[in-house]
Amino acid sequence: MAARPKLVAVACDPPVDHDQAAVAVLRQFRQVFNAVKSHFQQVEKTVGMGGAQVWALSVVREQPGIGVGALARAMSIHQSTASNLVRTLIDREMLVAVKQGADRRAVQLNLLPAGARVLRHAPGPFAGLLPDALKALPPETLARLQADLDLVIVRIAADEAAAHVPLAGI
């Protein structure tokens, strides 16, 4: 895994007016979205599968025997989305689902050799650039960012369900 770049605050001249500030922030969103998109395109080009699938494989590798519900929570996605990811990875022989115990509906997921090969070749971070960058931010910065993005989300009347769709699927 490549070394993380140092976090450096970039000093910029404050925008002259409100409209210029809005345009400057729009450009920042574009930079973020384009970096995320480029990362997922590189993942797909390198290993032939989407970023969400690679992330799911990495979670199963880190937590052998994890269930689908726990995988969904680990990836912050809807359980049906996790089920679809798992089904595809089982069909591609990257994962195996084992039913054990009294409740035969519950499965334990484990990585197969083909899944491990994908992870060896996939560019990281497996969860994607944005989750990795957010985890590296100081808690007070995250709190400010969350509060500010809440205002944007309300202003654009964003669909709450979209919060559970992996960025790789957008």
Protein backbone atom coordinates (compact mmCIF):
# COMPACT_ATOMS: atom_id res chain seq x y z
CA MET A 1 0.00 0.00 0.00
CA ALA A 2 1.33 3.44 -0.90
CA ALA A 3 2.23 5.86 1.85
CA ARG A 4 -0.47 8.33 2.71
CA PRO A 5 0.21 11.85 1.57
CA LYS A 6 0.65 14.39 4.34
CA LEU A 7 -2.42 16.47 5.09
CA VAL A 8 -1.59 20.03 4.22
CA ALA A 9 -3.93 22.94 4.63
CA VAL A 10 -3.89 25.05 1.51
CA ALA A 11 -4.24 28.76 2.07
CA CYS A 12 -6.29 30.43 -0.62
CA ASP A 13 -7.46 33.92 -1.07
CA PRO A 14 -11.00 34.28 0.20
CA PRO A 15 -13.53 34.71 -2.60
CA VAL A 16 -14.56 38.31 -3.13
CA ASP A 17 -18.31 37.71 -2.95
CA HIS A 18 -20.94 35.09 -2.23
CA ASP A 19 -21.31 34.01 -5.88
CA GLN A 20 -17.55 33.53 -6.21
CA ALA A 21 -17.51 31.52 -2.99
CA ALA A 22 -20.28 29.26 -4.32
CA VAL A 23 -18.35 28.69 -7.55
CA ALA A 24 -15.15 27.94 -5.60
CA VAL A 25 -16.94 25.31 -3.48
CA LEU A 26 -18.56 23.84 -6.61
CA ARG A 27 -15.07 23.42 -8.08
CA GLN A 28 -13.99 21.65 -4.90
CA PHE A 29 -16.91 19.22 -5.18
CA ARG A 30 -15.92 18.58 -8.80
CA GLN A 31 -12.34 17.84 -7.72
CA VAL A 32 -13.56 15.37 -5.08
CA PHE A 33 -16.04 13.62 -7.40
CA ASN A 34 -13.54 13.41 -10.25
CA ALA A 35 -10.84 11.97 -7.97
CA VAL A 36 -13.32 9.36 -6.67
CA LYS A 37 -14.48 8.53 -10.21
CA SER A 38 -10.88 8.20 -11.47
CA HIS A 39 -9.99 5.88 -8.59
CA PHE A 40 -12.94 3.58 -9.29
CA GLN A 41 -12.16 3.59 -13.02
CA GLN A 42 -8.58 2.57 -12.20
CA VAL A 43 -9.83 -0.23 -9.95
CA GLU A 44 -12.13 -1.54 -12.67
CA LYS A 45 -9.43 -1.25 -15.35
CA THR A 46 -6.89 -3.07 -13.17
CA VAL A 47 -8.99 -5.94 -11.78
CA GLY A 48 -12.09 -6.00 -13.97
CA MET A 49 -14.61 -5.41 -11.21
CA GLY A 50 -16.20 -2.46 -9.50
CA GLY A 51 -14.88 -0.70 -6.43
CA ALA A 52 -17.78 -1.79 -4.22
CA GLN A 53 -17.06 -5.44 -5.01
CA VAL A 54 -13.37 -4.97 -4.19
CA TRP A 55 -14.29 -3.22 -0.95
CA ALA A 56 -16.62 -6.10 -0.01
CA LEU A 57 -13.84 -8.61 -0.68
CA SER A 58 -11.48 -6.63 1.54
CA VAL A 59 -14.01 -6.52 4.40
CA VAL A 60 -14.50 -10.30 4.18
CA ARG A 61 -10.73 -10.79 4.14
CA GLU A 62 -10.39 -8.67 7.29
CA GLN A 63 -13.39 -10.32 9.00
CA PRO A 64 -13.58 -13.98 7.92
CA GLY A 65 -16.98 -15.48 8.65
CA ILE A 66 -18.77 -12.11 8.54
CA GLY A 67 -22.48 -12.20 7.74
CA VAL A 68 -24.25 -10.20 5.05
CA GLY A 69 -25.85 -7.83 7.59
CA ALA A 70 -22.51 -7.08 9.22
CA LEU A 71 -20.96 -6.57 5.79
CA ALA A 72 -23.70 -4.07 4.96
CA ARG A 73 -23.01 -2.19 8.21
CA ALA A 74 -19.25 -2.23 7.61
CA MET A 75 -19.77 -0.71 4.16
CA SER A 76 -22.61 1.59 5.27
CA ILE A 77 -24.90 0.24 2.55
CA HIS A 78 -28.39 -1.26 2.52
CA GLN A 79 -28.57 -4.98 3.26
CA SER A 80 -30.16 -5.71 -0.13
CA THR A 81 -27.23 -3.95 -1.82
CA ALA A 82 -24.81 -6.08 0.21
CA SER A 83 -26.77 -9.22 -0.72
CA ASN A 84 -26.49 -8.34 -4.42
CA LEU A 85 -22.74 -7.73 -4.08
CA VAL A 86 -22.29 -11.04 -2.26
CA ARG A 87 -24.37 -12.94 -4.84
CA THR A 88 -22.21 -11.57 -7.66
CA LEU A 89 -18.97 -12.39 -5.81
CA ILE A 90 -20.18 -15.94 -5.08
CA ASP A 91 -21.15 -16.39 -8.74
CA ARG A 92 -17.65 -15.21 -9.74
CA GLU A 93 -16.15 -17.68 -7.23
CA MET A 94 -14.50 -14.92 -5.20
CA LEU A 95 -16.45 -15.67 -1.99
CA VAL A 96 -18.08 -18.69 -0.43
CA ALA A 97 -21.14 -18.53 1.81
CA VAL A 98 -21.38 -21.24 4.45
CA LYS A 99 -24.58 -21.89 6.38
CA GLN A 100 -23.82 -23.05 9.91
CA GLY A 101 -25.67 -23.37 13.18
CA ALA A 102 -29.36 -23.70 13.94
CA ASP A 103 -30.45 -20.78 11.73
CA ARG A 104 -29.71 -22.07 8.24
CA ARG A 105 -30.63 -18.68 6.74
CA ALA A 106 -27.58 -16.97 8.23
CA VAL A 107 -24.40 -17.34 6.21
CA GLN A 108 -20.76 -16.83 6.99
CA LEU A 109 -18.72 -15.34 4.18
CA ASN A 110 -15.15 -16.33 3.43
CA LEU A 111 -12.68 -15.26 0.78
CA LEU A 112 -11.71 -17.74 -1.92
CA PRO A 113 -8.31 -17.75 -3.67
CA ALA A 114 -9.69 -15.85 -6.70
CA GLY A 115 -10.89 -13.08 -4.38
CA ALA A 116 -7.51 -12.91 -2.66
CA ARG A 117 -5.84 -12.59 -6.09
CA VAL A 118 -8.09 -9.63 -6.94
CA LEU A 119 -7.13 -7.89 -3.70
CA ARG A 120 -3.42 -8.42 -4.38
CA HIS A 121 -3.75 -6.58 -7.69
CA ALA A 122 -6.38 -3.94 -6.87
CA PRO A 123 -5.19 -0.41 -6.22
CA GLY A 124 -6.05 0.83 -2.75
CA PRO A 125 -7.55 2.13 -0.72
CA PHE A 126 -10.14 -0.63 -1.01
CA ALA A 127 -12.93 1.40 0.59
CA GLY A 128 -12.22 4.19 -1.89
CA LEU A 129 -10.44 7.51 -1.72
CA LEU A 130 -13.16 9.47 0.02
CA PRO A 131 -13.81 7.15 3.00
CA ASP A 132 -10.05 6.85 3.48
CA ALA A 133 -9.56 10.62 3.37
CA LEU A 134 -12.47 11.26 5.73
CA LYS A 135 -11.10 8.81 8.30
CA ALA A 136 -7.79 10.68 8.23
CA LEU A 137 -9.40 14.02 9.14
CA PRO A 138 -9.33 15.31 12.71
CA PRO A 139 -12.64 14.81 14.61
CA GLU A 140 -13.38 18.54 14.79
CA THR A 141 -12.94 18.89 11.02
CA LEU A 142 -15.28 15.96 10.42
CA ALA A 143 -17.89 17.48 12.74
CA ARG A 144 -17.73 20.82 10.88
CA LEU A 145 -17.89 19.11 7.51
CA GLN A 146 -20.87 17.01 8.59
CA ALA A 147 -22.78 20.04 9.85
CA ASP A 148 -22.03 22.03 6.71
CA LEU A 149 -22.95 19.18 4.36
CA ASP A 150 -26.20 18.70 6.30
CA LEU A 151 -27.13 22.24 5.23
CA VAL A 152 -26.32 21.47 1.59
CA ILE A 153 -28.32 18.22 1.73
CA VAL A 154 -31.38 20.01 3.07
CA ARG A 155 -31.01 22.79 0.50
CA ILE A 156 -30.96 20.36 -2.44
CA ALA A 157 -33.58 18.06 -0.87
CA ALA A 158 -31.32 15.03 -1.36
CA ASP A 159 -32.88 11.58 -1.10
CA GLU A 160 -31.98 9.93 2.24
CA ALA A 161 -31.82 6.51 0.55
CA ALA A 162 -28.91 7.75 -1.57
CA ALA A 163 -26.77 7.77 1.58
CA HIS A 164 -26.65 3.96 1.38
CA VAL A 165 -25.55 3.68 -2.26
CA PRO A 166 -21.82 3.04 -2.69
CA LEU A 167 -20.01 5.82 -4.54
CA ALA A 168 -18.65 3.20 -6.92
CA GLY A 169 -22.23 2.62 -8.06
CA ILE A 170 -22.95 6.24 -8.88
